[in-house]
PDB file of N, CA and C in Angstrom:
ATOM      1  N   UNK A   1     -19.745  20.615  19.904  1.00  0.00           N
ATOM      2  CA  UNK A   1     -18.910  19.448  19.995  1.00  0.00           C
ATOM      3  C   UNK A   1     -19.664  18.236  19.453  1.00  0.00           C
ATOM      4  N   UNK A   2     -18.925  17.308  18.918  1.00  0.00           N
ATOM      5  CA  UNK A   2     -19.516  16.116  18.316  1.00  0.00           C
ATOM      6  C   UNK A   2     -20.318  15.325  19.338  1.00  0.00           C
ATOM      7  N   UNK A   3     -19.773  15.162  20.542  1.00  0.00           N
ATOM      8  CA  UNK A   3     -20.454  14.346  21.535  1.00  0.00           C
ATOM      9  C   UNK A   3     -21.780  14.960  21.974  1.00  0.00           C
ATOM     10  N   UNK A   4     -21.947  16.266  21.819  1.00  0.00           N
ATOM     11  CA  UNK A   4     -23.214  16.914  22.159  1.00  0.00           C
ATOM     12  C   UNK A   4     -24.229  16.780  21.036  1.00  0.00           C
ATOM     13  N   UNK A   5     -23.779  16.823  19.799  1.00  0.00           N
ATOM     14  CA  UNK A   5     -24.677  16.758  18.650  1.00  0.00           C
ATOM     15  C   UNK A   5     -25.062  15.315  18.326  1.00  0.00           C
ATOM     16  N   UNK A   6     -24.088  14.414  18.402  1.00  0.00           N
ATOM     17  CA  UNK A   6     -24.314  12.998  18.076  1.00  0.00           C
ATOM     18  C   UNK A   6     -23.888  12.116  19.249  1.00  0.00           C
ATOM     19  N   UNK A   7     -24.622  12.170  20.358  1.00  0.00           N
ATOM     20  CA  UNK A   7     -24.165  11.439  21.548  1.00  0.00           C
ATOM     21  C   UNK A   7     -24.098   9.925  21.354  1.00  0.00           C
ATOM     22  N   UNK A   8     -25.035   9.343  20.631  1.00  0.00           N
ATOM     23  CA  UNK A   8     -25.026   7.888  20.441  1.00  0.00           C
ATOM     24  C   UNK A   8     -23.839   7.464  19.578  1.00  0.00           C
ATOM     25  N   UNK A   9     -23.586   8.166  18.502  1.00  0.00           N
ATOM     26  CA  UNK A   9     -22.468   7.838  17.627  1.00  0.00           C
ATOM     27  C   UNK A   9     -21.144   8.023  18.364  1.00  0.00           C
ATOM     28  N   UNK A  10     -21.060   9.069  19.164  1.00  0.00           N
ATOM     29  CA  UNK A  10     -19.832   9.323  19.926  1.00  0.00           C
ATOM     30  C   UNK A  10     -19.587   8.205  20.925  1.00  0.00           C
ATOM     31  N   UNK A  11     -20.638   7.794  21.627  1.00  0.00           N
ATOM     32  CA  UNK A  11     -20.493   6.725  22.620  1.00  0.00           C
ATOM     33  C   UNK A  11     -20.112   5.410  21.953  1.00  0.00           C
ATOM     34  N   UNK A  12     -20.701   5.135  20.807  1.00  0.00           N
ATOM     35  CA  UNK A  12     -20.380   3.913  20.070  1.00  0.00           C
ATOM     36  C   UNK A  12     -18.923   3.917  19.621  1.00  0.00           C
ATOM     37  N   UNK A  13     -18.451   5.031  19.115  1.00  0.00           N
ATOM     38  CA  UNK A  13     -17.059   5.147  18.672  1.00  0.00           C
ATOM     39  C   UNK A  13     -16.110   5.031  19.858  1.00  0.00           C
ATOM     40  N   UNK A  14     -16.498   5.609  20.969  1.00  0.00           N
ATOM     41  CA  UNK A  14     -15.671   5.535  22.169  1.00  0.00           C
ATOM     42  C   UNK A  14     -15.552   4.089  22.660  1.00  0.00           C
ATOM     43  N   UNK A  15     -16.660   3.343  22.600  1.00  0.00           N
ATOM     44  CA  UNK A  15     -16.636   1.931  23.010  1.00  0.00           C
ATOM     45  C   UNK A  15     -15.737   1.110  22.085  1.00  0.00           C
ATOM     46  N   UNK A  16     -15.825   1.367  20.795  1.00  0.00           N
ATOM     47  CA  UNK A  16     -14.966   0.658  19.842  1.00  0.00           C
ATOM     48  C   UNK A  16     -13.491   0.945  20.115  1.00  0.00           C
ATOM     49  N   UNK A  17     -13.182   2.190  20.399  1.00  0.00           N
ATOM     50  CA  UNK A  17     -11.798   2.559  20.680  1.00  0.00           C
ATOM     51  C   UNK A  17     -11.313   1.886  21.958  1.00  0.00           C
ATOM     52  N   UNK A  18     -12.187   1.802  22.960  1.00  0.00           N
ATOM     53  CA  UNK A  18     -11.817   1.147  24.216  1.00  0.00           C
ATOM     54  C   UNK A  18     -11.580  -0.340  24.026  1.00  0.00           C
ATOM     55  N   UNK A  19     -12.364  -0.959  23.148  1.00  0.00           N
ATOM     56  CA  UNK A  19     -12.228  -2.393  22.890  1.00  0.00           C
ATOM     57  C   UNK A  19     -11.038  -2.696  21.985  1.00  0.00           C
ATOM     58  N   UNK A  20     -10.506  -1.652  21.372  1.00  0.00           N
ATOM     59  CA  UNK A  20      -9.400  -1.791  20.423  1.00  0.00           C
ATOM     60  C   UNK A  20      -9.769  -2.722  19.274  1.00  0.00           C
ATOM     61  N   UNK A  21     -11.071  -2.761  18.956  1.00  0.00           N
ATOM     62  CA  UNK A  21     -11.506  -3.578  17.832  1.00  0.00           C
ATOM     63  C   UNK A  21     -11.488  -2.776  16.533  1.00  0.00           C
ATOM     64  N   UNK A  22     -11.287  -1.488  16.659  1.00  0.00           N
ATOM     65  CA  UNK A  22     -11.219  -0.641  15.472  1.00  0.00           C
ATOM     66  C   UNK A  22      -9.881   0.089  15.470  1.00  0.00           C
ATOM     67  N   UNK A  23      -9.260   0.120  14.317  1.00  0.00           N
ATOM     68  CA  UNK A  23      -8.002   0.847  14.197  1.00  0.00           C
ATOM     69  C   UNK A  23      -8.284   2.330  14.014  1.00  0.00           C
ATOM     70  N   UNK A  24      -7.547   3.131  14.707  1.00  0.00           N
ATOM     71  CA  UNK A  24      -7.685   4.571  14.564  1.00  0.00           C
ATOM     72  C   UNK A  24      -6.866   4.989  13.347  1.00  0.00           C
ATOM     73  N   UNK A  25      -7.500   5.678  12.377  1.00  0.00           N
ATOM     74  CA  UNK A  25      -6.778   6.039  11.162  1.00  0.00           C
ATOM     75  C   UNK A  25      -5.652   7.031  11.427  1.00  0.00           C
ATOM     76  N   UNK A  26      -4.589   6.862  10.698  1.00  0.00           N
ATOM     77  CA  UNK A  26      -3.442   7.753  10.807  1.00  0.00           C
ATOM     78  C   UNK A  26      -3.500   8.760   9.662  1.00  0.00           C
ATOM     79  N   UNK A  27      -3.464  10.024   9.992  1.00  0.00           N
ATOM     80  CA  UNK A  27      -3.537  11.054   8.962  1.00  0.00           C
ATOM     81  C   UNK A  27      -2.323  11.011   8.046  1.00  0.00           C
ATOM     82  N   UNK A  28      -1.182  10.536   8.542  1.00  0.00           N
ATOM     83  CA  UNK A  28      -0.005  10.458   7.681  1.00  0.00           C
ATOM     84  C   UNK A  28      -0.208   9.417   6.581  1.00  0.00           C
ATOM     85  N   UNK A  29      -0.992   8.372   6.861  1.00  0.00           N
ATOM     86  CA  UNK A  29      -1.303   7.391   5.818  1.00  0.00           C
ATOM     87  C   UNK A  29      -2.105   8.036   4.693  1.00  0.00           C
ATOM     88  N   UNK A  30      -3.087   8.855   5.075  1.00  0.00           N
ATOM     89  CA  UNK A  30      -3.883   9.540   4.064  1.00  0.00           C
ATOM     90  C   UNK A  30      -3.035  10.531   3.281  1.00  0.00           C
ATOM     91  N   UNK A  31      -2.143  11.205   3.974  1.00  0.00           N
ATOM     92  CA  UNK A  31      -1.255  12.152   3.300  1.00  0.00           C
ATOM     93  C   UNK A  31      -0.376  11.469   2.273  1.00  0.00           C
ATOM     94  N   UNK A  32       0.116  10.282   2.609  1.00  0.00           N
ATOM     95  CA  UNK A  32       0.952   9.532   1.664  1.00  0.00           C
ATOM     96  C   UNK A  32       0.140   9.097   0.453  1.00  0.00           C
ATOM     97  N   UNK A  33      -1.103   8.690   0.671  1.00  0.00           N
ATOM     98  CA  UNK A  33      -1.957   8.285  -0.453  1.00  0.00           C
ATOM     99  C   UNK A  33      -2.233   9.469  -1.370  1.00  0.00           C
ATOM    100  N   UNK A  34      -2.493  10.626  -0.797  1.00  0.00           N
ATOM    101  CA  UNK A  34      -2.747  11.823  -1.600  1.00  0.00           C
ATOM    102  C   UNK A  34      -1.496  12.208  -2.373  1.00  0.00           C
ATOM    103  N   UNK A  35      -0.340  12.117  -1.740  1.00  0.00           N
ATOM    104  CA  UNK A  35       0.917  12.456  -2.409  1.00  0.00           C
ATOM    105  C   UNK A  35       1.168  11.534  -3.597  1.00  0.00           C
ATOM    106  N   UNK A  36       0.741  10.288  -3.499  1.00  0.00           N
ATOM    107  CA  UNK A  36       0.900   9.363  -4.621  1.00  0.00           C
ATOM    108  C   UNK A  36      -0.016   9.728  -5.783  1.00  0.00           C
ATOM    109  N   UNK A  37      -1.166  10.306  -5.478  1.00  0.00           N
ATOM    110  CA  UNK A  37      -2.106  10.687  -6.531  1.00  0.00           C
ATOM    111  C   UNK A  37      -1.642  11.962  -7.233  1.00  0.00           C
ATOM    112  N   UNK A  38      -1.334  12.981  -6.456  1.00  0.00           N
ATOM    113  CA  UNK A  38      -0.922  14.261  -7.030  1.00  0.00           C
ATOM    114  C   UNK A  38       0.060  14.948  -6.078  1.00  0.00           C
ATOM    115  N   UNK A  39       1.360  14.792  -6.316  1.00  0.00           N
ATOM    116  CA  UNK A  39       2.364  15.352  -5.398  1.00  0.00           C
ATOM    117  C   UNK A  39       2.260  16.865  -5.211  1.00  0.00           C
ATOM    118  N   UNK A  40       1.906  17.591  -6.271  1.00  0.00           N
ATOM    119  CA  UNK A  40       1.818  19.046  -6.148  1.00  0.00           C
ATOM    120  C   UNK A  40       0.663  19.467  -5.240  1.00  0.00           C
ATOM    121  N   UNK A  41      -0.495  18.834  -5.416  1.00  0.00           N
ATOM    122  CA  UNK A  41      -1.631  19.187  -4.574  1.00  0.00           C
ATOM    123  C   UNK A  41      -1.445  18.721  -3.139  1.00  0.00           C
ATOM    124  N   UNK A  42      -0.691  17.668  -2.940  1.00  0.00           N
ATOM    125  CA  UNK A  42      -0.471  17.155  -1.588  1.00  0.00           C
ATOM    126  C   UNK A  42       0.322  18.149  -0.738  1.00  0.00           C
ATOM    127  N   UNK A  43       1.084  19.015  -1.381  1.00  0.00           N
ATOM    128  CA  UNK A  43       1.877  20.008  -0.649  1.00  0.00           C
ATOM    129  C   UNK A  43       1.016  21.166  -0.152  1.00  0.00           C
ATOM    130  N   UNK A  44      -0.150  21.353  -0.769  1.00  0.00           N
ATOM    131  CA  UNK A  44      -1.025  22.465  -0.410  1.00  0.00           C
ATOM    132  C   UNK A  44      -1.886  22.097   0.790  1.00  0.00           C
ATOM    133  N   UNK A  45      -2.092  23.044   1.669  1.00  0.00           N
ATOM    134  CA  UNK A  45      -2.982  22.862   2.815  1.00  0.00           C
ATOM    135  C   UNK A  45      -4.162  23.798   2.617  1.00  0.00           C
ATOM    136  N   UNK A  46      -5.292  23.220   2.192  1.00  0.00           N
ATOM    137  CA  UNK A  46      -6.496  24.011   1.952  1.00  0.00           C
ATOM    138  C   UNK A  46      -7.657  23.374   2.697  1.00  0.00           C
ATOM    139  N   UNK A  47      -8.744  24.124   2.848  1.00  0.00           N
ATOM    140  CA  UNK A  47      -9.897  23.557   3.523  1.00  0.00           C
ATOM    141  C   UNK A  47     -10.586  22.543   2.608  1.00  0.00           C
ATOM    142  N   UNK A  48     -11.457  21.753   3.169  1.00  0.00           N
ATOM    143  CA  UNK A  48     -12.073  20.645   2.448  1.00  0.00           C
ATOM    144  C   UNK A  48     -12.895  21.121   1.256  1.00  0.00           C
ATOM    145  N   UNK A  49     -13.564  22.276   1.374  1.00  0.00           N
ATOM    146  CA  UNK A  49     -14.378  22.781   0.267  1.00  0.00           C
ATOM    147  C   UNK A  49     -13.505  23.159  -0.935  1.00  0.00           C
ATOM    148  N   UNK A  50     -12.399  23.804  -0.680  1.00  0.00           N
ATOM    149  CA  UNK A  50     -11.493  24.178  -1.768  1.00  0.00           C
ATOM    150  C   UNK A  50     -10.864  22.938  -2.396  1.00  0.00           C
ATOM    151  N   UNK A  51     -10.509  21.967  -1.567  1.00  0.00           N
ATOM    152  CA  UNK A  51      -9.915  20.733  -2.081  1.00  0.00           C
ATOM    153  C   UNK A  51     -10.916  19.969  -2.938  1.00  0.00           C
ATOM    154  N   UNK A  52     -12.169  19.907  -2.494  1.00  0.00           N
ATOM    155  CA  UNK A  52     -13.206  19.211  -3.256  1.00  0.00           C
ATOM    156  C   UNK A  52     -13.453  19.914  -4.593  1.00  0.00           C
ATOM    157  N   UNK A  53     -13.482  21.231  -4.562  1.00  0.00           N
ATOM    158  CA  UNK A  53     -13.678  22.002  -5.794  1.00  0.00           C
ATOM    159  C   UNK A  53     -12.558  21.704  -6.790  1.00  0.00           C
ATOM    160  N   UNK A  54     -11.325  21.702  -6.304  1.00  0.00           N
ATOM    161  CA  UNK A  54     -10.159  21.426  -7.156  1.00  0.00           C
ATOM    162  C   UNK A  54     -10.227  20.010  -7.727  1.00  0.00           C
ATOM    163  N   UNK A  55     -10.621  19.057  -6.903  1.00  0.00           N
ATOM    164  CA  UNK A  55     -10.726  17.667  -7.362  1.00  0.00           C
ATOM    165  C   UNK A  55     -11.803  17.535  -8.437  1.00  0.00           C
ATOM    166  N   UNK A  56     -12.938  18.186  -8.238  1.00  0.00           N
ATOM    167  CA  UNK A  56     -14.011  18.115  -9.232  1.00  0.00           C
ATOM    168  C   UNK A  56     -13.604  18.754 -10.555  1.00  0.00           C
ATOM    169  N   UNK A  57     -12.862  19.845 -10.486  1.00  0.00           N
ATOM    170  CA  UNK A  57     -12.369  20.480 -11.711  1.00  0.00           C
ATOM    171  C   UNK A  57     -11.447  19.522 -12.457  1.00  0.00           C
ATOM    172  N   UNK A  58     -10.541  18.871 -11.732  1.00  0.00           N
ATOM    173  CA  UNK A  58      -9.605  17.936 -12.376  1.00  0.00           C
ATOM    174  C   UNK A  58     -10.329  16.752 -12.986  1.00  0.00           C
ATOM    175  N   UNK A  59     -11.262  16.183 -12.241  1.00  0.00           N
ATOM    176  CA  UNK A  59     -12.003  15.026 -12.750  1.00  0.00           C
ATOM    177  C   UNK A  59     -12.850  15.429 -13.954  1.00  0.00           C
ATOM    178  N   UNK A  60     -13.489  16.590 -13.871  1.00  0.00           N
ATOM    179  CA  UNK A  60     -14.291  17.071 -14.989  1.00  0.00           C
ATOM    180  C   UNK A  60     -13.455  17.282 -16.241  1.00  0.00           C
ATOM    181  N   UNK A  61     -12.280  17.842 -16.082  1.00  0.00           N
ATOM    182  CA  UNK A  61     -11.376  18.055 -17.217  1.00  0.00           C
ATOM    183  C   UNK A  61     -10.951  16.723 -17.819  1.00  0.00           C
ATOM    184  N   UNK A  62     -10.602  15.766 -16.960  1.00  0.00           N
ATOM    185  CA  UNK A  62     -10.195  14.450 -17.463  1.00  0.00           C
ATOM    186  C   UNK A  62     -11.333  13.775 -18.216  1.00  0.00           C
ATOM    187  N   UNK A  63     -12.558  13.886 -17.702  1.00  0.00           N
ATOM    188  CA  UNK A  63     -13.713  13.278 -18.384  1.00  0.00           C
ATOM    189  C   UNK A  63     -13.954  13.957 -19.733  1.00  0.00           C
ATOM    190  N   UNK A  64     -13.838  15.288 -19.766  1.00  0.00           N
ATOM    191  CA  UNK A  64     -14.054  16.018 -21.021  1.00  0.00           C
ATOM    192  C   UNK A  64     -13.002  15.610 -22.050  1.00  0.00           C
ATOM    193  N   UNK A  65     -11.738  15.553 -21.643  1.00  0.00           N
ATOM    194  CA  UNK A  65     -10.680  15.172 -22.566  1.00  0.00           C
ATOM    195  C   UNK A  65     -10.878  13.743 -23.070  1.00  0.00           C
ATOM    196  N   UNK A  66     -11.307  12.872 -22.214  1.00  0.00           N
ATOM    197  CA  UNK A  66     -11.529  11.479 -22.596  1.00  0.00           C
ATOM    198  C   UNK A  66     -12.665  11.369 -23.614  1.00  0.00           C
ATOM    199  N   UNK A  67     -13.729  12.141 -23.404  1.00  0.00           N
ATOM    200  CA  UNK A  67     -14.880  12.090 -24.308  1.00  0.00           C
ATOM    201  C   UNK A  67     -14.602  12.778 -25.644  1.00  0.00           C
ATOM    202  N   UNK A  68     -13.698  13.760 -25.644  1.00  0.00           N
ATOM    203  CA  UNK A  68     -13.368  14.464 -26.887  1.00  0.00           C
ATOM    204  C   UNK A  68     -12.458  13.658 -27.803  1.00  0.00           C
ATOM    205  N   UNK A  69     -11.743  12.684 -27.244  1.00  0.00           N
ATOM    206  CA  UNK A  69     -10.804  11.903 -28.061  1.00  0.00           C
ATOM    207  C   UNK A  69     -11.481  10.838 -28.820  1.00  0.00           C
TER     208      UNK A  69
END
């Protein structure tokens, strides 16, 4: 668990949440941002490693195409 591995960070985050000085991020906001970038990929539910791999492939392809022109 996070609180066992990083007790100080967990306690600090818990205090911020109690003070309501930090907004808790909404995952639906992130989903909407991803859908705006690539609607097809936003429909897929994959783990973070697969998503990162896919993003790097796309960025690499875009960079290669840009440099070839």
